[in-house]
Amino acid sequence: MPELYLRLLNRILTPVLLLLAFYLLFRGHNLPGGGFIAGLMAAAAFQLQILSRGHVRVRRTIGPYLNSSIGLGLAVAICAGIVGLMEGTFFKGVWLSLDLPLLGYLKLGTPVIFDLGVFLVVVSVATSYLLGLSRASDTSARLREGSASPVRSDIHTTDRPELNVDPTRRADS
């Protein structure tokens, strides 16, 4: 059961981290930032969710979407390059200017679309990795407590006890 302070910190910091991630994503084509660092920032928000809620709940919530968003991110990034190819060269920046009533002048282009694809790939891969680490950590904690025993398929046993050898055990021990 996660501690109370961690759950409170999660409620405060997760929205802040996600807002910062989107800010870095959308300003990255003109200034430092972009899809990679924004994806890492969003993955940090998901890591905070894993720590405060538990990996099982987070895996149930966003786990089914991680693999498909990796593929979607790759497709979006490739499409951004192909749009530039239609204008002359691969990855040529193509810009679209919009004058929106409430937001003002908005300039969107293929670098922003490419950053969005990179963002999707990075946040999905990093979150998958963090979920895998939390599962391994949970399994090793249960093994230390003695509640489960690992199944070892590399130990070969025979009817003669003197021939039963553990290949991971050193000869001098």
Protein backbone atom coordinates (compact mmCIF):
# COMPACT_ATOMS: atom_id res chain seq x y z
CA MET A 1 0.00 0.00 0.00
CA PRO A 2 1.58 3.28 -1.05
CA GLU A 3 2.16 5.89 1.61
CA LEU A 4 -0.27 8.77 2.05
CA TYR A 5 2.31 11.46 1.27
CA LEU A 6 3.16 9.78 -2.03
CA ARG A 7 -0.49 9.71 -3.07
CA LEU A 8 -0.85 13.41 -2.19
CA LEU A 9 2.33 14.26 -4.07
CA ASN A 10 0.99 12.30 -7.04
CA ARG A 11 -2.20 14.38 -7.13
CA ILE A 12 -0.19 17.59 -7.21
CA LEU A 13 2.80 16.70 -9.38
CA THR A 14 1.26 14.53 -12.11
CA PRO A 15 -0.77 17.35 -13.72
CA VAL A 16 2.21 19.70 -13.39
CA LEU A 17 4.55 17.19 -15.07
CA LEU A 18 2.08 16.52 -17.89
CA LEU A 19 1.54 20.25 -18.51
CA LEU A 20 5.29 20.78 -18.57
CA ALA A 21 5.63 17.86 -21.01
CA PHE A 22 3.10 19.38 -23.41
CA TYR A 23 4.74 22.79 -23.08
CA LEU A 24 8.12 21.27 -23.98
CA LEU A 25 6.55 19.34 -26.85
CA PHE A 26 4.94 22.32 -28.54
CA ARG A 27 7.79 24.77 -28.11
CA GLY A 28 10.49 22.31 -29.13
CA HIS A 29 10.56 23.10 -32.83
CA ASN A 30 11.71 26.68 -32.17
CA LEU A 31 13.51 26.47 -28.82
CA PRO A 32 15.16 23.71 -26.76
CA GLY A 33 12.73 20.94 -26.01
CA GLY A 34 10.82 18.70 -28.32
CA GLY A 35 9.37 15.24 -28.48
CA PHE A 36 12.14 13.36 -26.74
CA ILE A 37 12.42 15.41 -23.56
CA ALA A 38 8.65 15.87 -23.43
CA GLY A 39 8.22 12.09 -23.67
CA LEU A 40 10.64 11.57 -20.80
CA MET A 41 8.78 14.16 -18.73
CA ALA A 42 5.45 12.40 -19.36
CA ALA A 43 7.07 9.06 -18.52
CA ALA A 44 8.20 10.59 -15.22
CA ALA A 45 4.56 11.46 -14.52
CA PHE A 46 3.60 7.84 -15.23
CA GLN A 47 6.42 6.64 -12.96
CA LEU A 48 4.92 8.74 -10.19
CA GLN A 49 1.60 7.00 -10.90
CA ILE A 50 3.33 3.61 -10.68
CA LEU A 51 4.92 4.49 -7.35
CA SER A 52 1.76 5.90 -5.80
CA ARG A 53 -0.93 3.62 -7.22
CA GLY A 54 1.00 0.42 -7.88
CA HIS A 55 2.12 -1.10 -11.15
CA VAL A 56 -0.87 -3.43 -11.44
CA ARG A 57 -3.38 -0.60 -11.54
CA VAL A 58 -1.31 1.49 -13.97
CA ARG A 59 -0.72 -1.55 -16.20
CA ARG A 60 -4.47 -2.20 -16.27
CA THR A 61 -5.19 1.45 -17.09
CA ILE A 62 -2.63 2.32 -19.77
CA GLY A 63 -0.83 -0.95 -20.44
CA PRO A 64 -3.04 -2.13 -23.31
CA TYR A 65 -2.36 1.10 -25.21
CA LEU A 66 1.44 1.20 -24.96
CA ASN A 67 2.35 -1.09 -27.87
CA SER A 68 -0.14 0.49 -30.24
CA SER A 69 1.03 4.00 -29.37
CA ILE A 70 4.61 3.00 -30.19
CA GLY A 71 3.46 2.01 -33.67
CA LEU A 72 1.29 5.11 -33.99
CA GLY A 73 4.20 7.34 -33.00
CA LEU A 74 6.47 5.73 -35.57
CA ALA A 75 3.80 6.14 -38.25
CA VAL A 76 3.26 9.81 -37.36
CA ALA A 77 7.01 10.52 -37.49
CA ILE A 78 7.37 8.77 -40.86
CA CYS A 79 4.35 10.63 -42.24
CA ALA A 80 5.95 13.93 -41.23
CA GLY A 81 8.98 12.99 -43.31
CA ILE A 82 6.89 11.89 -46.27
CA VAL A 83 4.98 15.20 -46.32
CA GLY A 84 8.32 16.95 -46.76
CA LEU A 85 9.20 14.52 -49.53
CA MET A 86 6.16 15.66 -51.47
CA GLU A 87 7.51 19.22 -51.27
CA GLY A 88 10.92 18.28 -52.66
CA THR A 89 13.18 16.59 -50.09
CA PHE A 90 12.67 14.14 -47.26
CA PHE A 91 11.99 15.91 -43.93
CA LYS A 92 11.60 19.33 -45.52
CA GLY A 93 9.71 21.62 -43.17
CA VAL A 94 6.22 22.36 -44.43
CA TRP A 95 4.35 25.01 -42.44
CA LEU A 96 0.66 25.85 -42.13
CA SER A 97 -0.38 29.16 -40.59
CA LEU A 98 -3.75 29.45 -38.87
CA ASP A 99 -5.40 32.52 -37.39
CA LEU A 100 -7.57 31.20 -34.56
CA PRO A 101 -9.99 33.57 -32.81
CA LEU A 102 -9.15 32.69 -29.20
CA LEU A 103 -5.60 31.38 -29.54
CA GLY A 104 -4.30 33.96 -31.99
CA TYR A 105 -1.79 33.18 -34.70
CA LEU A 106 -0.82 29.51 -34.72
CA LYS A 107 1.96 28.10 -36.87
CA LEU A 108 1.97 24.31 -37.31
CA GLY A 109 4.39 22.33 -39.39
CA THR A 110 5.98 18.99 -40.04
CA PRO A 111 8.61 19.45 -37.29
CA VAL A 112 5.80 19.65 -34.74
CA ILE A 113 4.17 16.53 -36.22
CA PHE A 114 7.53 14.72 -36.13
CA ASP A 115 8.00 15.78 -32.48
CA LEU A 116 4.54 14.42 -31.70
CA GLY A 117 5.53 11.04 -33.17
CA VAL A 118 8.78 11.02 -31.18
CA PHE A 119 6.81 11.96 -28.05
CA LEU A 120 4.44 9.01 -28.48
CA VAL A 121 7.29 6.56 -29.02
CA VAL A 122 9.40 7.80 -26.10
CA VAL A 123 6.58 7.98 -23.56
CA SER A 124 5.32 4.51 -24.53
CA VAL A 125 8.72 2.80 -24.53
CA ALA A 126 9.83 4.45 -21.29
CA THR A 127 6.55 3.65 -19.52
CA SER A 128 6.68 0.03 -20.74
CA TYR A 129 10.22 -0.22 -19.41
CA LEU A 130 9.24 1.28 -16.05
CA LEU A 131 6.28 -1.09 -15.76
CA GLY A 132 8.60 -4.01 -16.50
CA LEU A 133 11.05 -2.84 -13.86
CA SER A 134 8.30 -2.52 -11.28
CA ARG A 135 7.07 -6.03 -12.08
CA ALA A 136 10.59 -7.44 -11.70
CA SER A 137 11.05 -5.53 -8.46
CA ASP A 138 7.76 -6.86 -7.13
CA THR A 139 8.70 -10.43 -8.08
CA SER A 140 12.12 -10.22 -6.43
CA ALA A 141 10.55 -8.78 -3.26
CA ARG A 142 8.16 -11.73 -3.09
CA LEU A 143 11.05 -14.16 -3.59
CA ARG A 144 13.01 -12.57 -0.74
CA GLU A 145 9.99 -12.97 1.53
CA GLY A 146 9.82 -16.65 0.59
CA SER A 147 6.24 -16.57 -0.65
CA ALA A 148 7.09 -18.03 -4.03
CA SER A 149 9.88 -20.13 -5.43
CA PRO A 150 11.34 -19.68 -8.88
CA VAL A 151 11.01 -22.44 -11.40
CA ARG A 152 14.46 -23.29 -12.73
CA SER A 153 14.56 -25.09 -16.02
CA ASP A 154 18.37 -25.13 -16.29
CA ILE A 155 18.88 -27.64 -13.44
CA HIS A 156 18.91 -31.21 -14.65
CA THR A 157 18.18 -33.97 -12.17
CA THR A 158 18.72 -37.67 -12.42
CA ASP A 159 17.98 -40.68 -10.25
CA ARG A 160 21.56 -40.68 -8.95
CA PRO A 161 22.04 -37.76 -6.47
CA GLU A 162 25.81 -37.50 -7.12
CA LEU A 163 25.09 -36.61 -10.76
CA ASN A 164 22.59 -33.85 -9.99
CA VAL A 165 24.57 -30.71 -10.76
CA ASP A 166 23.48 -27.09 -10.62
CA PRO A 167 25.22 -25.42 -13.61
CA THR A 168 25.19 -22.03 -11.87
CA ARG A 169 27.01 -23.30 -8.79
CA ARG A 170 30.77 -22.93 -8.69
CA ALA A 171 32.87 -26.04 -8.22
CA ASP A 172 34.90 -24.62 -5.31
CA SER A 173 31.86 -23.70 -3.18
